[in-house]
Amino acid sequence: SGTAALAAHGAKLKASLAAAADEHNRSIATLVAEVGGLRAQLDEAHRANAAEPNRTAEAVALLEAKLAEERACAAAAVAALAAREAEFNETMAAAVVERNCTATTIATL
């Protein structure tokens, strides 16, 4: 019964991690699309800068700052998923130890 509860808990954690990974992947895809759009805007701003350096330089700086911010958000999302994965792995390792202890206890009865 303890083993079944541990298995159910492990399955629940695995499903939670899978859902987090899906959400993470959607977030990354969104960020990649946004970064691609920002890169296109930045490229366009660089082209315009050749004709109008003073007015465009500020726009380029703002786009570069936004691009850096988006990259930082993506890095934070990756780090958060890694932390959740590590937590899941620790929980699963503890569940295996507990299951083995339960099996040993049952065997000695």
PDB file of N, CA and C in Angstrom:
ATOM      1  N   SER A   1       0.831  -1.208   0.000  1.00  0.00           N
ATOM      2  CA  SER A   1       0.000   0.000   0.000  1.00  0.00           C
ATOM      3  C   SER A   1       0.864   1.256   0.000  1.00  0.00           C
ATOM      4  N   GLY A   2       1.957   1.203   0.793  1.00  0.00           N
ATOM      5  CA  GLY A   2       2.884   2.329   0.807  1.00  0.00           C
ATOM      6  C   GLY A   2       3.564   2.489  -0.543  1.00  0.00           C
ATOM      7  N   THR A   3       3.895   1.352  -1.152  1.00  0.00           N
ATOM      8  CA  THR A   3       4.548   1.392  -2.462  1.00  0.00           C
ATOM      9  C   THR A   3       3.600   1.963  -3.511  1.00  0.00           C
ATOM     10  N   ALA A   4       2.334   1.579  -3.436  1.00  0.00           N
ATOM     11  CA  ALA A   4       1.345   2.114  -4.396  1.00  0.00           C
ATOM     12  C   ALA A   4       1.190   3.617  -4.214  1.00  0.00           C
ATOM     13  N   ALA A   5       1.178   4.063  -2.965  1.00  0.00           N
ATOM     14  CA  ALA A   5       1.053   5.504  -2.709  1.00  0.00           C
ATOM     15  C   ALA A   5       2.276   6.240  -3.237  1.00  0.00           C
ATOM     16  N   LEU A   6       3.462   5.641  -3.025  1.00  0.00           N
ATOM     17  CA  LEU A   6       4.678   6.268  -3.543  1.00  0.00           C
ATOM     18  C   LEU A   6       4.667   6.310  -5.065  1.00  0.00           C
ATOM     19  N   ALA A   7       4.211   5.221  -5.677  1.00  0.00           N
ATOM     20  CA  ALA A   7       4.143   5.190  -7.142  1.00  0.00           C
ATOM     21  C   ALA A   7       3.164   6.237  -7.653  1.00  0.00           C
ATOM     22  N   ALA A   8       2.029   6.371  -6.977  1.00  0.00           N
ATOM     23  CA  ALA A   8       1.036   7.378  -7.384  1.00  0.00           C
ATOM     24  C   ALA A   8       1.607   8.776  -7.221  1.00  0.00           C
ATOM     25  N   HIS A   9       2.314   8.987  -6.114  1.00  0.00           N
ATOM     26  CA  HIS A   9       2.937  10.298  -5.882  1.00  0.00           C
ATOM     27  C   HIS A   9       3.990  10.584  -6.955  1.00  0.00           C
ATOM     28  N   GLY A  10       4.790   9.574  -7.276  1.00  0.00           N
ATOM     29  CA  GLY A  10       5.795   9.724  -8.325  1.00  0.00           C
ATOM     30  C   GLY A  10       5.159  10.032  -9.669  1.00  0.00           C
ATOM     31  N   ALA A  11       4.066   9.357  -9.982  1.00  0.00           N
ATOM     32  CA  ALA A  11       3.363   9.607 -11.251  1.00  0.00           C
ATOM     33  C   ALA A  11       2.817  11.023 -11.287  1.00  0.00           C
ATOM     34  N   LYS A  12       2.292  11.473 -10.150  1.00  0.00           N
ATOM     35  CA  LYS A  12       1.757  12.844 -10.073  1.00  0.00           C
ATOM     36  C   LYS A  12       2.877  13.864 -10.281  1.00  0.00           C
ATOM     37  N   LEU A  13       4.030  13.628  -9.651  1.00  0.00           N
ATOM     38  CA  LEU A  13       5.170  14.521  -9.821  1.00  0.00           C
ATOM     39  C   LEU A  13       5.659  14.517 -11.267  1.00  0.00           C
ATOM     40  N   LYS A  14       5.679  13.319 -11.869  1.00  0.00           N
ATOM     41  CA  LYS A  14       6.133  13.213 -13.258  1.00  0.00           C
ATOM     42  C   LYS A  14       5.188  13.981 -14.180  1.00  0.00           C
ATOM     43  N   ALA A  15       3.880  13.860 -13.944  1.00  0.00           N
ATOM     44  CA  ALA A  15       2.902  14.596 -14.760  1.00  0.00           C
ATOM     45  C   ALA A  15       3.065  16.097 -14.560  1.00  0.00           C
ATOM     46  N   SER A  16       3.317  16.506 -13.326  1.00  0.00           N
ATOM     47  CA  SER A  16       3.521  17.926 -13.040  1.00  0.00           C
ATOM     48  C   SER A  16       4.763  18.444 -13.749  1.00  0.00           C
ATOM     49  N   LEU A  17       5.825  17.659 -13.742  1.00  0.00           N
ATOM     50  CA  LEU A  17       7.053  18.052 -14.425  1.00  0.00           C
ATOM     51  C   LEU A  17       6.820  18.117 -15.933  1.00  0.00           C
ATOM     52  N   ALA A  18       6.073  17.160 -16.469  1.00  0.00           N
ATOM     53  CA  ALA A  18       5.780  17.177 -17.913  1.00  0.00           C
ATOM     54  C   ALA A  18       4.975  18.416 -18.277  1.00  0.00           C
ATOM     55  N   ALA A  19       4.004  18.765 -17.438  1.00  0.00           N
ATOM     56  CA  ALA A  19       3.200  19.969 -17.698  1.00  0.00           C
ATOM     57  C   ALA A  19       4.082  21.215 -17.627  1.00  0.00           C
ATOM     58  N   ALA A  20       4.975  21.235 -16.649  1.00  0.00           N
ATOM     59  CA  ALA A  20       5.897  22.381 -16.532  1.00  0.00           C
ATOM     60  C   ALA A  20       6.809  22.453 -17.751  1.00  0.00           C
ATOM     61  N   ALA A  21       7.268  21.299 -18.216  1.00  0.00           N
ATOM     62  CA  ALA A  21       8.136  21.275 -19.402  1.00  0.00           C
ATOM     63  C   ALA A  21       7.379  21.771 -20.630  1.00  0.00           C
ATOM     64  N   ASP A  22       6.106  21.351 -20.775  1.00  0.00           N
ATOM     65  CA  ASP A  22       5.295  21.836 -21.904  1.00  0.00           C
ATOM     66  C   ASP A  22       5.125  23.344 -21.839  1.00  0.00           C
ATOM     67  N   GLU A  23       4.803  23.844 -20.665  1.00  0.00           N
ATOM     68  CA  GLU A  23       4.636  25.290 -20.493  1.00  0.00           C
ATOM     69  C   GLU A  23       5.953  26.007 -20.783  1.00  0.00           C
ATOM     70  N   HIS A  24       7.036  25.426 -20.300  1.00  0.00           N
ATOM     71  CA  HIS A  24       8.359  25.996 -20.550  1.00  0.00           C
ATOM     72  C   HIS A  24       8.637  26.052 -22.056  1.00  0.00           C
ATOM     73  N   ASN A  25       8.334  24.954 -22.747  1.00  0.00           N
ATOM     74  CA  ASN A  25       8.581  24.914 -24.196  1.00  0.00           C
ATOM     75  C   ASN A  25       7.731  25.943 -24.926  1.00  0.00           C
ATOM     76  N   ARG A  26       6.481  26.119 -24.496  1.00  0.00           N
ATOM     77  CA  ARG A  26       5.630  27.146 -25.108  1.00  0.00           C
ATOM     78  C   ARG A  26       6.214  28.534 -24.833  1.00  0.00           C
ATOM     79  N   SER A  27       6.672  28.745 -23.608  1.00  0.00           N
ATOM     80  CA  SER A  27       7.259  30.036 -23.258  1.00  0.00           C
ATOM     81  C   SER A  27       8.503  30.308 -24.096  1.00  0.00           C
ATOM     82  N   ILE A  28       9.340  29.302 -24.239  1.00  0.00           N
ATOM     83  CA  ILE A  28      10.563  29.464 -25.026  1.00  0.00           C
ATOM     84  C   ILE A  28      10.200  29.750 -26.485  1.00  0.00           C
ATOM     85  N   ALA A  29       9.212  29.029 -27.036  1.00  0.00           N
ATOM     86  CA  ALA A  29       8.802  29.268 -28.422  1.00  0.00           C
ATOM     87  C   ALA A  29       8.305  30.701 -28.595  1.00  0.00           C
ATOM     88  N   THR A  30       7.537  31.177 -27.619  1.00  0.00           N
ATOM     89  CA  THR A  30       7.047  32.553 -27.671  1.00  0.00           C
ATOM     90  C   THR A  30       8.216  33.532 -27.615  1.00  0.00           C
ATOM     91  N   LEU A  31       9.150  33.272 -26.690  1.00  0.00           N
ATOM     92  CA  LEU A  31      10.314  34.149 -26.569  1.00  0.00           C
ATOM     93  C   LEU A  31      11.161  34.131 -27.838  1.00  0.00           C
ATOM     94  N   VAL A  32      11.324  32.950 -28.428  1.00  0.00           N
ATOM     95  CA  VAL A  32      12.103  32.858 -29.669  1.00  0.00           C
ATOM     96  C   VAL A  32      11.438  33.685 -30.762  1.00  0.00           C
ATOM     97  N   ALA A  33      10.109  33.584 -30.863  1.00  0.00           N
ATOM     98  CA  ALA A  33       9.390  34.371 -31.867  1.00  0.00           C
ATOM     99  C   ALA A  33       9.546  35.867 -31.594  1.00  0.00           C
ATOM    100  N   GLU A  34       9.426  36.244 -30.317  1.00  0.00           N
ATOM    101  CA  GLU A  34       9.578  37.658 -29.967  1.00  0.00           C
ATOM    102  C   GLU A  34      10.992  38.152 -30.253  1.00  0.00           C
ATOM    103  N   VAL A  35      11.980  37.327 -29.908  1.00  0.00           N
ATOM    104  CA  VAL A  35      13.367  37.708 -30.168  1.00  0.00           C
ATOM    105  C   VAL A  35      13.600  37.824 -31.670  1.00  0.00           C
ATOM    106  N   GLY A  36      13.019  36.899 -32.452  1.00  0.00           N
ATOM    107  CA  GLY A  36      13.138  36.990 -33.908  1.00  0.00           C
ATOM    108  C   GLY A  36      12.540  38.284 -34.433  1.00  0.00           C
ATOM    109  N   GLY A  37      11.380  38.652 -33.903  1.00  0.00           N
ATOM    110  CA  GLY A  37      10.756  39.912 -34.296  1.00  0.00           C
ATOM    111  C   GLY A  37      11.606  41.105 -33.899  1.00  0.00           C
ATOM    112  N   LEU A  38      12.147  41.044 -32.695  1.00  0.00           N
ATOM    113  CA  LEU A  38      13.019  42.132 -32.245  1.00  0.00           C
ATOM    114  C   LEU A  38      14.286  42.212 -33.095  1.00  0.00           C
ATOM    115  N   ARG A  39      14.821  41.053 -33.449  1.00  0.00           N
ATOM    116  CA  ARG A  39      16.024  41.032 -34.291  1.00  0.00           C
ATOM    117  C   ARG A  39      15.710  41.677 -35.646  1.00  0.00           C
ATOM    118  N   ALA A  40      14.540  41.357 -36.220  1.00  0.00           N
ATOM    119  CA  ALA A  40      14.156  41.957 -37.502  1.00  0.00           C
ATOM    120  C   ALA A  40      14.013  43.479 -37.352  1.00  0.00           C
ATOM    121  N   GLN A  41      13.401  43.907 -36.257  1.00  0.00           N
ATOM    122  CA  GLN A  41      13.260  45.346 -36.013  1.00  0.00           C
ATOM    123  C   GLN A  41      14.634  46.000 -35.846  1.00  0.00           C
ATOM    124  N   LEU A  42      15.503  45.306 -35.139  1.00  0.00           N
ATOM    125  CA  LEU A  42      16.845  45.839 -34.916  1.00  0.00           C
ATOM    126  C   LEU A  42      17.606  45.944 -36.240  1.00  0.00           C
ATOM    127  N   ASP A  43      17.484  44.907 -37.060  1.00  0.00           N
ATOM    128  CA  ASP A  43      18.134  44.959 -38.376  1.00  0.00           C
ATOM    129  C   ASP A  43      17.598  46.125 -39.197  1.00  0.00           C
ATOM    130  N   GLU A  44      16.286  46.304 -39.168  1.00  0.00           N
ATOM    131  CA  GLU A  44      15.683  47.420 -39.901  1.00  0.00           C
ATOM    132  C   GLU A  44      16.172  48.755 -39.340  1.00  0.00           C
ATOM    133  N   ALA A  45      16.284  48.838 -38.036  1.00  0.00           N
ATOM    134  CA  ALA A  45      16.764  50.069 -37.414  1.00  0.00           C
ATOM    135  C   ALA A  45      18.207  50.347 -37.818  1.00  0.00           C
ATOM    136  N   HIS A  46      19.010  49.287 -37.900  1.00  0.00           N
ATOM    137  CA  HIS A  46      20.397  49.468 -38.346  1.00  0.00           C
ATOM    138  C   HIS A  46      20.441  49.993 -39.784  1.00  0.00           C
ATOM    139  N   ARG A  47      19.566  49.467 -40.640  1.00  0.00           N
ATOM    140  CA  ARG A  47      19.526  49.948 -42.025  1.00  0.00           C
ATOM    141  C   ARG A  47      19.108  51.423 -42.066  1.00  0.00           C
ATOM    142  N   ALA A  48      18.087  51.746 -41.282  1.00  0.00           N
ATOM    143  CA  ALA A  48      17.622  53.127 -41.252  1.00  0.00           C
ATOM    144  C   ALA A  48      18.688  54.046 -40.655  1.00  0.00           C
ATOM    145  N   ASN A  49      19.487  53.481 -39.746  1.00  0.00           N
ATOM    146  CA  ASN A  49      20.524  54.271 -39.084  1.00  0.00           C
ATOM    147  C   ASN A  49      21.535  54.834 -40.090  1.00  0.00           C
ATOM    148  N   ALA A  50      21.731  54.111 -41.170  1.00  0.00           N
ATOM    149  CA  ALA A  50      22.677  54.583 -42.183  1.00  0.00           C
ATOM    150  C   ALA A  50      22.205  55.914 -42.781  1.00  0.00           C
ATOM    151  N   ALA A  51      20.873  56.079 -42.861  1.00  0.00           N
ATOM    152  CA  ALA A  51      20.322  57.309 -43.436  1.00  0.00           C
ATOM    153  C   ALA A  51      20.084  58.385 -42.379  1.00  0.00           C
ATOM    154  N   GLU A  52      19.676  57.955 -41.195  1.00  0.00           N
ATOM    155  CA  GLU A  52      19.339  58.912 -40.135  1.00  0.00           C
ATOM    156  C   GLU A  52      19.998  58.497 -38.825  1.00  0.00           C
ATOM    157  N   PRO A  53      21.286  58.715 -38.694  1.00  0.00           N
ATOM    158  CA  PRO A  53      22.020  58.207 -37.532  1.00  0.00           C
ATOM    159  C   PRO A  53      21.540  58.722 -36.187  1.00  0.00           C
ATOM    160  N   ASN A  54      21.238  59.997 -36.080  1.00  0.00           N
ATOM    161  CA  ASN A  54      20.887  60.542 -34.766  1.00  0.00           C
ATOM    162  C   ASN A  54      19.556  60.010 -34.260  1.00  0.00           C
ATOM    163  N   ARG A  55      18.544  60.043 -35.087  1.00  0.00           N
ATOM    164  CA  ARG A  55      17.209  59.624 -34.667  1.00  0.00           C
ATOM    165  C   ARG A  55      17.152  58.115 -34.442  1.00  0.00           C
ATOM    166  N   THR A  56      17.864  57.377 -35.234  1.00  0.00           N
ATOM    167  CA  THR A  56      17.764  55.922 -35.182  1.00  0.00           C
ATOM    168  C   THR A  56      18.631  55.315 -34.084  1.00  0.00           C
ATOM    169  N   ALA A  57      19.702  55.970 -33.714  1.00  0.00           N
ATOM    170  CA  ALA A  57      20.601  55.411 -32.697  1.00  0.00           C
ATOM    171  C   ALA A  57      19.857  55.123 -31.404  1.00  0.00           C
ATOM    172  N   GLU A  58      18.959  55.996 -31.011  1.00  0.00           N
ATOM    173  CA  GLU A  58      18.186  55.781 -29.789  1.00  0.00           C
ATOM    174  C   GLU A  58      17.261  54.574 -29.942  1.00  0.00           C
ATOM    175  N   ALA A  59      16.623  54.450 -31.097  1.00  0.00           N
ATOM    176  CA  ALA A  59      15.739  53.302 -31.336  1.00  0.00           C
ATOM    177  C   ALA A  59      16.532  51.993 -31.301  1.00  0.00           C
ATOM    178  N   VAL A  60      17.711  52.001 -31.873  1.00  0.00           N
ATOM    179  CA  VAL A  60      18.563  50.809 -31.863  1.00  0.00           C
ATOM    180  C   VAL A  60      18.933  50.440 -30.430  1.00  0.00           C
ATOM    181  N   ALA A  61      19.304  51.422 -29.647  1.00  0.00           N
ATOM    182  CA  ALA A  61      19.676  51.153 -28.250  1.00  0.00           C
ATOM    183  C   ALA A  61      18.498  50.574 -27.475  1.00  0.00           C
ATOM    184  N   LEU A  62      17.305  51.105 -27.704  1.00  0.00           N
ATOM    185  CA  LEU A  62      16.119  50.580 -27.026  1.00  0.00           C
ATOM    186  C   LEU A  62      15.827  49.145 -27.453  1.00  0.00           C
ATOM    187  N   LEU A  63      15.938  48.864 -28.734  1.00  0.00           N
ATOM    188  CA  LEU A  63      15.696  47.498 -29.215  1.00  0.00           C
ATOM    189  C   LEU A  63      16.753  46.531 -28.678  1.00  0.00           C
ATOM    190  N   GLU A  64      17.991  46.965 -28.618  1.00  0.00           N
ATOM    191  CA  GLU A  64      19.041  46.106 -28.072  1.00  0.00           C
ATOM    192  C   GLU A  64      18.793  45.819 -26.593  1.00  0.00           C
ATOM    193  N   ALA A  65      18.321  46.812 -25.863  1.00  0.00           N
ATOM    194  CA  ALA A  65      17.999  46.610 -24.441  1.00  0.00           C
ATOM    195  C   ALA A  65      16.844  45.621 -24.297  1.00  0.00           C
ATOM    196  N   LYS A  66      15.834  45.757 -25.150  1.00  0.00           N
ATOM    197  CA  LYS A  66      14.679  44.844 -25.102  1.00  0.00           C
ATOM    198  C   LYS A  66      15.122  43.420 -25.455  1.00  0.00           C
ATOM    199  N   LEU A  67      15.985  43.289 -26.442  1.00  0.00           N
ATOM    200  CA  LEU A  67      16.496  41.977 -26.826  1.00  0.00           C
ATOM    201  C   LEU A  67      17.267  41.343 -25.663  1.00  0.00           C
ATOM    202  N   ALA A  68      18.075  42.116 -24.977  1.00  0.00           N
ATOM    203  CA  ALA A  68      18.815  41.605 -23.817  1.00  0.00           C
ATOM    204  C   ALA A  68      17.856  41.164 -22.715  1.00  0.00           C
ATOM    205  N   GLU A  69      16.793  41.939 -22.511  1.00  0.00           N
ATOM    206  CA  GLU A  69      15.785  41.596 -21.502  1.00  0.00           C
ATOM    207  C   GLU A  69      15.087  40.281 -21.847  1.00  0.00           C
ATOM    208  N   GLU A  70      14.732  40.104 -23.116  1.00  0.00           N
ATOM    209  CA  GLU A  70      14.073  38.866 -23.549  1.00  0.00           C
ATOM    210  C   GLU A  70      15.006  37.666 -23.368  1.00  0.00           C
ATOM    211  N   ARG A  71      16.275  37.859 -23.669  1.00  0.00           N
ATOM    212  CA  ARG A  71      17.241  36.767 -23.479  1.00  0.00           C
ATOM    213  C   ARG A  71      17.361  36.415 -21.999  1.00  0.00           C
ATOM    214  N   ALA A  72      17.350  37.407 -21.133  1.00  0.00           N
ATOM    215  CA  ALA A  72      17.423  37.157 -19.693  1.00  0.00           C
ATOM    216  C   ALA A  72      16.193  36.388 -19.222  1.00  0.00           C
ATOM    217  N   CYS A  73      15.023  36.747 -19.747  1.00  0.00           N
ATOM    218  CA  CYS A  73      13.785  36.028 -19.396  1.00  0.00           C
ATOM    219  C   CYS A  73      13.865  34.571 -19.834  1.00  0.00           C
ATOM    220  N   ALA A  74      14.374  34.348 -21.030  1.00  0.00           N
ATOM    221  CA  ALA A  74      14.514  32.973 -21.523  1.00  0.00           C
ATOM    222  C   ALA A  74      15.469  32.188 -20.632  1.00  0.00           C
ATOM    223  N   ALA A  75      16.571  32.795 -20.234  1.00  0.00           N
ATOM    224  CA  ALA A  75      17.541  32.119 -19.359  1.00  0.00           C
ATOM    225  C   ALA A  75      16.912  31.796 -18.006  1.00  0.00           C
ATOM    226  N   ALA A  76      16.102  32.703 -17.494  1.00  0.00           N
ATOM    227  CA  ALA A  76      15.422  32.468 -16.207  1.00  0.00           C
ATOM    228  C   ALA A  76      14.430  31.319 -16.333  1.00  0.00           C
ATOM    229  N   ALA A  77      13.726  31.251 -17.450  1.00  0.00           N
ATOM    230  CA  ALA A  77      12.770  30.155 -17.661  1.00  0.00           C
ATOM    231  C   ALA A  77      13.490  28.814 -17.719  1.00  0.00           C
ATOM    232  N   VAL A  78      14.621  28.780 -18.379  1.00  0.00           N
ATOM    233  CA  VAL A  78      15.418  27.546 -18.458  1.00  0.00           C
ATOM    234  C   VAL A  78      15.904  27.148 -17.063  1.00  0.00           C
ATOM    235  N   ALA A  79      16.368  28.109 -16.290  1.00  0.00           N
ATOM    236  CA  ALA A  79      16.853  27.823 -14.928  1.00  0.00           C
ATOM    237  C   ALA A  79      15.723  27.313 -14.035  1.00  0.00           C
ATOM    238  N   ALA A  80      14.541  27.895 -14.178  1.00  0.00           N
ATOM    239  CA  ALA A  80      13.396  27.458 -13.367  1.00  0.00           C
ATOM    240  C   ALA A  80      13.023  26.020 -13.692  1.00  0.00           C
ATOM    241  N   LEU A  81      13.033  25.668 -14.974  1.00  0.00           N
ATOM    242  CA  LEU A  81      12.714  24.292 -15.348  1.00  0.00           C
ATOM    243  C   LEU A  81      13.775  23.339 -14.810  1.00  0.00           C
ATOM    244  N   ALA A  82      15.024  23.722 -14.873  1.00  0.00           N
ATOM    245  CA  ALA A  82      16.097  22.870 -14.352  1.00  0.00           C
ATOM    246  C   ALA A  82      15.929  22.651 -12.846  1.00  0.00           C
ATOM    247  N   ALA A  83      15.522  23.684 -12.136  1.00  0.00           N
ATOM    248  CA  ALA A  83      15.304  23.557 -10.691  1.00  0.00           C
ATOM    249  C   ALA A  83      14.148  22.601 -10.406  1.00  0.00           C
ATOM    250  N   ARG A  84      13.070  22.721 -11.179  1.00  0.00           N
ATOM    251  CA  ARG A  84      11.928  21.812 -10.982  1.00  0.00           C
ATOM    252  C   ARG A  84      12.312  20.382 -11.311  1.00  0.00           C
ATOM    253  N   GLU A  85      13.129  20.197 -12.326  1.00  0.00           N
ATOM    254  CA  GLU A  85      13.576  18.862 -12.694  1.00  0.00           C
ATOM    255  C   GLU A  85      14.450  18.272 -11.592  1.00  0.00           C
ATOM    256  N   ALA A  86      15.339  19.079 -11.019  1.00  0.00           N
ATOM    257  CA  ALA A  86      16.189  18.604  -9.925  1.00  0.00           C
ATOM    258  C   ALA A  86      15.347  18.205  -8.718  1.00  0.00           C
ATOM    259  N   GLU A  87      14.332  19.006  -8.412  1.00  0.00           N
ATOM    260  CA  GLU A  87      13.440  18.693  -7.292  1.00  0.00           C
ATOM    261  C   GLU A  87      12.709  17.382  -7.545  1.00  0.00           C
ATOM    262  N   PHE A  88      12.235  17.197  -8.767  1.00  0.00           N
ATOM    263  CA  PHE A  88      11.547  15.963  -9.127  1.00  0.00           C
ATOM    264  C   PHE A  88      12.494  14.769  -8.967  1.00  0.00           C
ATOM    265  N   ASN A  89      13.729  14.903  -9.456  1.00  0.00           N
ATOM    266  CA  ASN A  89      14.693  13.804  -9.354  1.00  0.00           C
ATOM    267  C   ASN A  89      14.986  13.450  -7.906  1.00  0.00           C
ATOM    268  N   GLU A  90      15.100  14.462  -7.037  1.00  0.00           N
ATOM    269  CA  GLU A  90      15.322  14.204  -5.615  1.00  0.00           C
ATOM    270  C   GLU A  90      14.139  13.458  -5.007  1.00  0.00           C
ATOM    271  N   THR A  91      12.944  13.898  -5.346  1.00  0.00           N
ATOM    272  CA  THR A  91      11.736  13.261  -4.812  1.00  0.00           C
ATOM    273  C   THR A  91      11.647  11.810  -5.275  1.00  0.00           C
ATOM    274  N   MET A  92      11.953  11.582  -6.549  1.00  0.00           N
ATOM    275  CA  MET A  92      11.894  10.212  -7.064  1.00  0.00           C
ATOM    276  C   MET A  92      12.949   9.336  -6.393  1.00  0.00           C
ATOM    277  N   ALA A  93      14.135   9.876  -6.163  1.00  0.00           N
ATOM    278  CA  ALA A  93      15.187   9.109  -5.491  1.00  0.00           C
ATOM    279  C   ALA A  93      14.751   8.747  -4.075  1.00  0.00           C
ATOM    280  N   ALA A  94      14.130   9.691  -3.376  1.00  0.00           N
ATOM    281  CA  ALA A  94      13.642   9.423  -2.020  1.00  0.00           C
ATOM    282  C   ALA A  94      12.535   8.368  -2.053  1.00  0.00           C
ATOM    283  N   ALA A  95      11.677   8.430  -3.067  1.00  0.00           N
ATOM    284  CA  ALA A  95      10.592   7.451  -3.190  1.00  0.00           C
ATOM    285  C   ALA A  95      11.152   6.052  -3.427  1.00  0.00           C
ATOM    286  N   VAL A  96      12.201   5.951  -4.214  1.00  0.00           N
ATOM    287  CA  VAL A  96      12.826   4.645  -4.468  1.00  0.00           C
ATOM    288  C   VAL A  96      13.422   4.096  -3.178  1.00  0.00           C
ATOM    289  N   VAL A  97      14.099   4.938  -2.418  1.00  0.00           N
ATOM    290  CA  VAL A  97      14.677   4.498  -1.138  1.00  0.00           C
ATOM    291  C   VAL A  97      13.573   4.020  -0.205  1.00  0.00           C
ATOM    292  N   GLU A  98      12.491   4.799  -0.126  1.00  0.00           N
ATOM    293  CA  GLU A  98      11.387   4.419   0.761  1.00  0.00           C
ATOM    294  C   GLU A  98      10.741   3.115   0.293  1.00  0.00           C
ATOM    295  N   ARG A  99      10.587   2.958  -1.023  1.00  0.00           N
ATOM    296  CA  ARG A  99      10.013   1.726  -1.564  1.00  0.00           C
ATOM    297  C   ARG A  99      10.905   0.540  -1.221  1.00  0.00           C
ATOM    298  N   ASN A 100      12.215   0.713  -1.348  1.00  0.00           N
ATOM    299  CA  ASN A 100      13.146  -0.377  -1.035  1.00  0.00           C
ATOM    300  C   ASN A 100      13.096  -0.735   0.448  1.00  0.00           C
ATOM    301  N   CYS A 101      12.990   0.271   1.303  1.00  0.00           N
ATOM    302  CA  CYS A 101      12.870   0.015   2.747  1.00  0.00           C
ATOM    303  C   CYS A 101      11.581  -0.735   3.048  1.00  0.00           C
ATOM    304  N   THR A 102      10.498  -0.333   2.390  1.00  0.00           N
ATOM    305  CA  THR A 102       9.208  -1.002   2.592  1.00  0.00           C
ATOM    306  C   THR A 102       9.305  -2.453   2.134  1.00  0.00           C
ATOM    307  N   ALA A 103       9.928  -2.687   0.985  1.00  0.00           N
ATOM    308  CA  ALA A 103      10.072  -4.038   0.469  1.00  0.00           C
ATOM    309  C   ALA A 103      10.913  -4.899   1.421  1.00  0.00           C
ATOM    310  N   THR A 104      11.960  -4.316   1.969  1.00  0.00           N
ATOM    311  CA  THR A 104      12.806  -5.050   2.926  1.00  0.00           C
ATOM    312  C   THR A 104      12.016  -5.381   4.182  1.00  0.00           C
ATOM    313  N   THR A 105      11.233  -4.418   4.677  1.00  0.00           N
ATOM    314  CA  THR A 105      10.412  -4.651   5.864  1.00  0.00           C
ATOM    315  C   THR A 105       9.401  -5.764   5.612  1.00  0.00           C
ATOM    316  N   ILE A 106       8.754  -5.730   4.450  1.00  0.00           N
ATOM    317  CA  ILE A 106       7.771  -6.779   4.119  1.00  0.00           C
ATOM    318  C   ILE A 106       8.455  -8.120   4.005  1.00  0.00           C
ATOM    319  N   ALA A 107       9.627  -8.147   3.421  1.00  0.00           N
ATOM    320  CA  ALA A 107      10.355  -9.412   3.264  1.00  0.00           C
ATOM    321  C   ALA A 107      10.745 -10.015   4.597  1.00  0.00           C
ATOM    322  N   THR A 108      11.006  -9.175   5.579  1.00  0.00           N
ATOM    323  CA  THR A 108      11.420  -9.701   6.885  1.00  0.00           C
ATOM    324  C   THR A 108      10.242 -10.136   7.728  1.00  0.00           C
ATOM    325  N   LEU A 109       9.032  -9.756   7.327  1.00  0.00           N
ATOM    326  CA  LEU A 109       7.845 -10.179   8.077  1.00  0.00           C
ATOM    327  C   LEU A 109       7.513 -11.557   7.715  1.00  0.00           C
TER     328      LEU A 109
END
